[in-house]
C-alpha cells in the first residue's frame, strides 16, 4: 500500500477517534484474523487455557480467502493470530501468500515451539511481512516457568535456526522481532544483566527488533497487579481494528477473549457492513464516555487505563507509526552484525 495512502488513512483514523464518530468513513486499518484458537501451551498469563472445547478450531481456507478478497485495497494488515498458535494451522503459509497477493501485509506472532526448518522456509518464501517470537525468559528457569511445556534450549534453537535460514537466503522479510515479558521474581539489576547476555546470542543474525512487553489483563481474565492510571480513555481499537475468530464471528477487540461483544458473523454478513453496523456504532457511542462505561468485558480491561499523548495512548504511537508510515525500516538493528 502506498505510503501516502497509509498516512491519509492514519489521519482519517486519528480524526475519527478524537471526534468519537459513531460511523467511520474509512475501513479498519488492521484486522486480527484468527487462523487457529488451538494452542499447544498453557501459559498462566494467557486465557487460552480457559477456552472451552467448542471454541477451539481452525479457520477454513475458503472463509479466509473471502475475508482477504473483501479487504484487498482497504485494510493495511492482517494479524494472522489471536487466541491460539498459528503454526498449528496446516495452511498458514498459503494464507500468508494469498493475503500478500491481494496487497495485504501479514504478521504472525508465535511461541516458536513448532518452528521446523520446513515451516521456517515456508514462512520466508510465502512473503510474510512481520514475524514476532514470544519468548518470555532469558534462561531455562525463567522461560520454562512462564512457558510450561516448552523447552528453553529447543525453542531458542528453533528461533536461531529461522534467523540463520533468513540470513542464508538473503531475505529482508519477514521483519523479525523477539518480544519478552520479564516475569520473574528477580532483582531488576539481574534481569537487565541477563537480558544483555541473552541479546549477544543474536549478534551476527538478522534480528530486527527486541522488545520488552508488559502484561495486560485480557479484560480482567488475568490479574497482573500493575499500577495503572485511574481514569479511563475511549478504546482506540473501536476506531481502527476488528477481530475475526476462526469460525467467522466478528469482534471489536482482541481483548474480548470469549467473544462477549460479538458484532456479527461472516457466515451471513460482509465485514465492512459489520464495521459500521448497529452493534459497532452503539459500542463506539458507549465508549465515547468511558467514565459511565458499564459494559463487560470493557469495564475490567486495563487497555482503557493508559497514559495518552494528543488523546492517543502512548504505546500506540510508536508502534503504529513504525509499522504504517516507516514500514519498520527505520528501526536500527539491536546489535551490530
Protein backbone atom coordinates (compact mmCIF):
# COMPACT_ATOMS: atom_id res chain seq x y z
CA UNK A 1 0.00 0.00 0.00
CA UNK A 2 1.50 3.40 -1.00
CA UNK A 3 2.78 5.44 1.96
CA UNK A 4 0.70 8.49 1.03
CA UNK A 5 -2.42 6.31 1.22
CA UNK A 6 -1.29 4.93 4.58
CA UNK A 7 -0.67 8.41 6.00
CA UNK A 8 -4.06 9.53 4.72
CA UNK A 9 -5.74 6.57 6.41
CA UNK A 10 -3.87 7.27 9.64
CA UNK A 11 -5.07 10.88 9.59
CA UNK A 12 -8.65 9.76 8.99
CA UNK A 13 -8.39 7.20 11.80
CA UNK A 14 -6.99 9.76 14.23
CA UNK A 15 -9.70 12.26 13.32
CA UNK A 16 -12.39 9.63 13.74
CA UNK A 17 -11.05 8.63 17.14
CA UNK A 18 -10.62 12.10 18.66
CA UNK A 19 -14.02 13.16 17.33
CA UNK A 20 -15.59 9.91 18.63
CA UNK A 21 -17.55 9.37 15.42
CA UNK A 22 -20.05 6.53 15.50
CA UNK A 23 -19.79 5.74 11.80
CA UNK A 24 -16.32 5.63 10.27
CA UNK A 25 -15.88 6.84 6.70
CA UNK A 26 -12.79 4.63 6.34
CA UNK A 27 -12.16 0.86 6.69
CA UNK A 28 -10.30 -0.71 9.64
CA UNK A 29 -6.51 -0.38 9.43
CA UNK A 30 -5.72 -3.83 10.74
CA UNK A 31 -7.65 -7.00 11.41
CA UNK A 32 -6.85 -9.90 13.67
CA UNK A 33 -7.71 -12.98 11.59
CA UNK A 34 -7.57 -15.97 13.90
CA UNK A 35 -6.03 -18.83 11.95
CA UNK A 36 -6.29 -21.13 14.96
CA UNK A 37 -7.65 -20.92 18.50
CA UNK A 38 -5.84 -24.12 19.46
CA UNK A 39 -2.59 -23.79 21.40
CA UNK A 40 -0.01 -26.36 22.44
CA UNK A 41 0.94 -24.50 25.65
CA UNK A 42 -0.97 -23.50 28.79
CA UNK A 43 0.69 -20.29 29.95
CA UNK A 44 -0.60 -18.78 33.21
CA UNK A 45 -0.80 -15.26 31.74
CA UNK A 46 -2.97 -16.30 28.77
CA UNK A 47 -6.70 -17.01 28.70
CA UNK A 48 -6.35 -19.84 26.17
CA UNK A 49 -6.15 -22.46 28.92
CA UNK A 50 -9.68 -21.42 29.96
CA UNK A 51 -11.09 -21.59 26.42
CA UNK A 52 -13.98 -24.14 26.15
CA UNK A 53 -13.56 -27.03 23.73
CA UNK A 54 -16.37 -25.77 21.47
CA UNK A 55 -14.46 -22.51 20.99
CA UNK A 56 -11.37 -24.23 19.62
CA UNK A 57 -10.90 -24.65 15.88
CA UNK A 58 -9.11 -23.74 12.65
CA UNK A 59 -10.25 -21.17 10.12
CA UNK A 60 -11.45 -22.66 6.87
CA UNK A 61 -9.32 -21.51 3.95
CA UNK A 62 -12.38 -20.59 1.89
CA UNK A 63 -13.55 -18.26 4.66
CA UNK A 64 -10.07 -16.78 4.90
CA UNK A 65 -9.84 -16.13 1.17
CA UNK A 66 -13.24 -14.43 1.25
CA UNK A 67 -12.03 -12.10 4.02
CA UNK A 68 -8.83 -11.31 2.09
CA UNK A 69 -10.77 -10.63 -1.11
CA UNK A 70 -13.07 -8.19 0.67
CA UNK A 71 -10.21 -6.42 2.44
CA UNK A 72 -7.98 -6.07 -0.62
CA UNK A 73 -7.34 -2.36 -1.23
CA UNK A 74 -8.98 -1.45 2.07
CA UNK A 75 -7.09 -2.88 5.06
CA UNK A 76 -3.37 -2.48 5.60
CA UNK A 77 -2.54 -5.53 7.68
CA UNK A 78 -3.75 -8.95 8.79
CA UNK A 79 -2.55 -10.21 12.15
CA UNK A 80 -2.84 -13.93 11.44
CA UNK A 81 -3.01 -14.87 15.10
CA UNK A 82 -5.12 -14.26 18.15
CA UNK A 83 -6.06 -16.72 20.88
CA UNK A 84 -4.06 -19.71 19.61
CA UNK A 85 -0.83 -20.82 17.98
CA UNK A 86 -0.99 -20.01 14.25
CA UNK A 87 1.68 -22.52 13.23
CA UNK A 88 -0.75 -25.31 14.15
CA UNK A 89 -2.81 -24.39 11.06
CA UNK A 90 -1.75 -26.71 8.20
CA UNK A 91 -2.29 -23.99 5.56
CA UNK A 92 -0.79 -20.98 7.32
CA UNK A 93 1.81 -20.46 4.57
CA UNK A 94 -0.93 -20.44 1.93
CA UNK A 95 -2.86 -17.86 3.95
CA UNK A 96 0.18 -15.58 4.06
CA UNK A 97 0.77 -15.93 0.33
CA UNK A 98 -2.90 -15.39 -0.57
CA UNK A 99 -3.14 -12.20 1.50
CA UNK A 100 0.13 -10.90 0.08
CA UNK A 101 -1.13 -11.39 -3.46
CA UNK A 102 -4.02 -9.10 -2.56
CA UNK A 103 -1.76 -6.35 -1.27
CA UNK A 104 -2.30 -7.07 2.43
CA UNK A 105 0.67 -7.09 4.80
CA UNK A 106 0.75 -10.09 7.13
CA UNK A 107 2.02 -10.61 10.64
CA UNK A 108 2.32 -13.74 12.78
CA UNK A 109 3.14 -13.96 16.46
CA UNK A 110 4.28 -17.43 17.56
CA UNK A 111 5.69 -19.23 20.56
CA UNK A 112 8.16 -20.88 18.11
CA UNK A 113 7.78 -24.35 19.62
CA UNK A 114 6.65 -25.74 16.24
CA UNK A 115 9.13 -23.83 14.09
CA UNK A 116 10.78 -26.55 12.00
CA UNK A 117 13.16 -25.98 9.08
CA UNK A 118 10.31 -26.68 6.67
CA UNK A 119 7.94 -24.20 8.31
CA UNK A 120 10.72 -21.60 8.55
CA UNK A 121 11.38 -21.81 4.81
CA UNK A 122 7.66 -21.70 4.03
CA UNK A 123 7.17 -18.53 6.09
CA UNK A 124 10.11 -16.81 4.43
CA UNK A 125 9.20 -17.86 0.89
CA UNK A 126 5.48 -17.09 1.34
CA UNK A 127 6.32 -13.39 1.75
CA UNK A 128 5.37 -12.96 5.40
CA UNK A 129 5.95 -9.33 6.37
CA UNK A 130 6.36 -9.48 10.16
CA UNK A 131 7.19 -12.38 12.47
CA UNK A 132 7.37 -11.92 16.22
CA UNK A 133 8.52 -14.54 18.68
CA UNK A 134 7.08 -14.56 22.19
CA UNK A 135 9.98 -15.79 24.31
CA UNK A 136 9.39 -14.96 27.94
CA UNK A 137 12.69 -15.59 29.69
CA UNK A 138 16.47 -15.27 29.45
CA UNK A 139 17.38 -18.63 30.98
CA UNK A 140 15.71 -22.05 31.35
CA UNK A 141 14.29 -21.36 34.81
CA UNK A 142 12.68 -18.03 33.91
CA UNK A 143 11.46 -19.16 30.49
CA UNK A 144 10.09 -22.59 31.41
CA UNK A 145 8.24 -21.28 34.47
CA UNK A 146 6.47 -18.78 32.18
CA UNK A 147 6.02 -21.22 29.28
CA UNK A 148 5.20 -24.60 30.89
CA UNK A 149 5.60 -27.45 28.42
CA UNK A 150 8.21 -25.63 26.32
CA UNK A 151 11.97 -26.20 26.41
CA UNK A 152 14.21 -23.13 26.58
CA UNK A 153 17.06 -24.74 24.64
CA UNK A 154 14.87 -26.31 21.97
CA UNK A 155 12.76 -23.21 21.26
CA UNK A 156 15.80 -20.94 21.23
CA UNK A 157 17.39 -23.32 18.73
CA UNK A 158 14.24 -23.04 16.58
CA UNK A 159 14.49 -19.23 16.55
CA UNK A 160 18.21 -19.26 15.81
CA UNK A 161 17.62 -21.76 13.01
CA UNK A 162 14.99 -19.48 11.48
CA UNK A 163 17.29 -16.46 11.61
CA UNK A 164 20.17 -18.43 10.12
CA UNK A 165 17.93 -19.54 7.25
CA UNK A 166 16.72 -15.98 6.69
CA UNK A 167 20.34 -14.85 6.55
CA UNK A 168 21.39 -17.68 4.24
CA UNK A 169 18.51 -16.94 1.83
CA UNK A 170 19.36 -13.24 1.86
CA UNK A 171 15.77 -12.32 2.62
CA UNK A 172 14.81 -9.00 4.21
CA UNK A 173 11.40 -10.38 5.08
CA UNK A 174 9.89 -11.14 7.42
CA UNK A 175 10.82 -8.28 9.72
CA UNK A 176 11.68 -10.34 12.78
CA UNK A 177 11.36 -9.46 16.44
CA UNK A 178 11.61 -11.12 19.82
CA UNK A 179 9.15 -9.97 22.47
CA UNK A 180 9.76 -10.78 26.12
CA UNK A 181 7.63 -10.35 29.21
CA UNK A 182 10.13 -10.29 32.06
CA UNK A 183 8.02 -12.21 34.56
CA UNK A 184 10.48 -13.26 37.26
CA UNK A 185 10.98 -12.83 40.97
CA UNK A 186 14.49 -11.43 40.48
CA UNK A 187 16.27 -8.16 41.24
CA UNK A 188 15.97 -5.74 38.34
CA UNK A 189 19.77 -5.49 38.05
CA UNK A 190 19.98 -9.23 37.46
CA UNK A 191 17.19 -9.15 34.86
CA UNK A 192 18.99 -6.37 32.96
CA UNK A 193 22.27 -8.29 33.07
CA UNK A 194 20.62 -11.49 31.81
CA UNK A 195 18.87 -9.52 29.08
CA UNK A 196 22.19 -8.19 27.77
CA UNK A 197 23.75 -11.66 27.81
CA UNK A 198 20.71 -13.08 26.01
CA UNK A 199 20.91 -10.49 23.23
CA UNK A 200 24.52 -11.41 22.49
CA UNK A 201 23.17 -14.72 21.17
CA UNK A 202 21.84 -12.85 18.11
CA UNK A 203 24.88 -10.70 17.38
CA UNK A 204 25.51 -11.94 13.82
CA UNK A 205 21.90 -12.77 12.91
CA UNK A 206 19.17 -10.71 11.18
CA UNK A 207 17.05 -9.98 14.24
CA UNK A 208 15.38 -6.64 13.52
CA UNK A 209 13.86 -5.74 16.85
CA UNK A 210 13.83 -6.70 20.51
CA UNK A 211 11.06 -5.52 22.82
CA UNK A 212 10.21 -5.91 26.48
CA UNK A 213 6.44 -6.14 26.78
CA UNK A 214 4.22 -5.54 29.76
CA UNK A 215 1.48 -7.94 30.74
CA UNK A 216 -2.10 -6.97 30.11
CA UNK A 217 -5.07 -8.47 31.89
CA UNK A 218 -7.10 -9.80 28.95
CA UNK A 219 -10.09 -7.68 30.01
CA UNK A 220 -9.99 -8.92 33.60
CA UNK A 221 -9.14 -12.58 32.95
CA UNK A 222 -5.62 -12.24 34.35
CA UNK A 223 -4.51 -10.33 37.45
CA UNK A 224 -1.07 -8.76 36.87
CA UNK A 225 -1.04 -6.31 39.83
CA UNK A 226 0.34 -3.45 37.73
CA UNK A 227 -0.10 0.16 38.81
CA UNK A 228 -2.27 1.88 36.19
CA UNK A 229 -3.76 5.36 35.63
CA UNK A 230 -7.01 5.91 37.49
CA UNK A 231 -9.04 7.41 34.63
CA UNK A 232 -10.38 5.54 31.60
CA UNK A 233 -9.91 6.54 27.98
CA UNK A 234 -12.02 5.54 24.96
CA UNK A 235 -10.58 2.34 23.49
CA UNK A 236 -8.88 3.27 20.18
CA UNK A 237 -9.39 -0.23 18.79
CA UNK A 238 -13.02 0.54 18.03
CA UNK A 239 -11.90 3.17 15.54
CA UNK A 240 -9.17 1.28 13.71
CA UNK A 241 -9.33 -2.51 14.16
CA UNK A 242 -11.50 -5.61 14.11
CA UNK A 243 -11.17 -9.27 15.09
CA UNK A 244 -12.40 -12.33 13.21
CA UNK A 245 -12.49 -15.61 15.13
CA UNK A 246 -11.73 -18.86 13.32
CA UNK A 247 -15.47 -19.56 12.88
CA UNK A 248 -16.23 -16.17 11.29
CA UNK A 249 -17.50 -14.41 14.42
CA UNK A 250 -16.56 -10.71 14.32
CA UNK A 251 -15.43 -8.84 17.44
CA UNK A 252 -14.34 -5.23 18.00
CA UNK A 253 -11.30 -6.02 20.14
CA UNK A 254 -8.67 -8.76 20.69
CA UNK A 255 -9.01 -8.41 24.48
CA UNK A 256 -12.52 -9.89 24.29
CA UNK A 257 -11.18 -13.42 24.61
CA UNK A 258 -14.53 -15.21 24.93
CA UNK A 259 -16.49 -13.17 22.40
CA UNK A 260 -18.86 -11.34 24.74
CA UNK A 261 -19.06 -8.38 22.32
CA UNK A 262 -19.91 -10.33 19.18
CA UNK A 263 -20.89 -7.90 16.42
CA UNK A 264 -21.98 -10.42 13.81
CA UNK A 265 -20.76 -13.31 11.71
CA UNK A 266 -19.16 -13.57 8.30
CA UNK A 267 -21.28 -16.63 7.70
CA UNK A 268 -24.14 -14.26 6.84
CA UNK A 269 -22.65 -10.73 6.65
CA UNK A 270 -19.86 -8.78 4.99
CA UNK A 271 -17.04 -7.49 7.16
CA UNK A 272 -17.41 -3.88 6.01
CA UNK A 273 -21.12 -3.92 6.82
CA UNK A 274 -20.34 -5.09 10.36
CA UNK A 275 -17.62 -2.40 10.70
CA UNK A 276 -20.30 0.30 10.70
CA UNK A 277 -23.24 -1.87 11.72
CA UNK A 278 -25.65 -1.13 14.54
CA UNK A 279 -23.72 -3.02 17.26
CA UNK A 280 -20.42 -1.36 16.41
CA UNK A 281 -21.95 2.11 16.28
CA UNK A 282 -23.65 1.54 19.63
CA UNK A 283 -20.38 0.35 21.18
CA UNK A 284 -18.50 3.42 19.87
CA UNK A 285 -21.20 5.62 21.36
CA UNK A 286 -20.89 3.97 24.78
CA UNK A 287 -17.08 4.06 24.66
CA UNK A 288 -17.10 7.78 23.87
CA UNK A 289 -17.88 8.43 27.52
CA UNK A 290 -15.82 5.77 29.32
CA UNK A 291 -16.47 7.24 32.79
CA UNK A 292 -20.02 5.86 32.57
CA UNK A 293 -18.99 2.59 30.92
CA UNK A 294 -20.75 -0.44 32.37
CA UNK A 295 -20.36 -2.99 29.60
CA UNK A 296 -18.39 -6.18 30.22
CA UNK A 297 -15.60 -7.05 29.47
CA UNK A 298 -14.58 -3.43 28.73
CA UNK A 299 -15.16 -2.29 32.31
CA UNK A 300 -12.47 -4.74 33.55
CA UNK A 301 -9.94 -4.09 30.79
CA UNK A 302 -6.60 -2.40 31.50
CA UNK A 303 -6.25 -1.28 27.88
CA UNK A 304 -8.51 1.70 28.55
CA UNK A 305 -6.36 2.71 31.54
CA UNK A 306 -3.34 4.17 29.78
CA UNK A 307 -1.38 7.40 29.57
CA UNK A 308 -2.05 9.44 26.42
CA UNK A 309 -0.38 11.99 24.15
CA UNK A 310 -2.60 14.16 21.94
CA UNK A 311 -5.50 11.98 23.02
CA UNK A 312 -3.87 8.74 21.82
CA UNK A 313 -2.41 6.02 24.11
CA UNK A 314 1.37 6.45 24.27
CA UNK A 315 2.15 2.82 23.45
CA UNK A 316 0.11 3.06 20.23
CA UNK A 317 2.03 5.99 18.78
CA UNK A 318 5.45 4.37 18.24
CA UNK A 319 4.09 1.02 17.13
CA UNK A 320 1.50 2.48 14.76
CA UNK A 321 3.93 4.92 13.17
CA UNK A 322 6.74 2.38 12.78
CA UNK A 323 4.56 -0.26 11.18
CA UNK A 324 2.48 2.00 8.93
CA UNK A 325 4.48 5.07 7.99
CA UNK A 326 8.08 3.90 8.06
CA UNK A 327 7.42 0.28 7.19
CA UNK A 328 9.74 -0.78 10.05
CA UNK A 329 12.86 0.05 8.02
CA UNK A 330 13.78 2.98 10.28
CA UNK A 331 14.33 0.76 13.31
CA UNK A 332 18.05 0.20 13.77
CA UNK A 333 19.45 -3.23 14.43
CA UNK A 334 19.70 -4.03 18.12
CA UNK A 335 23.21 -5.39 17.71
CA UNK A 336 25.95 -4.95 15.11
CA UNK A 337 26.11 -7.80 12.59
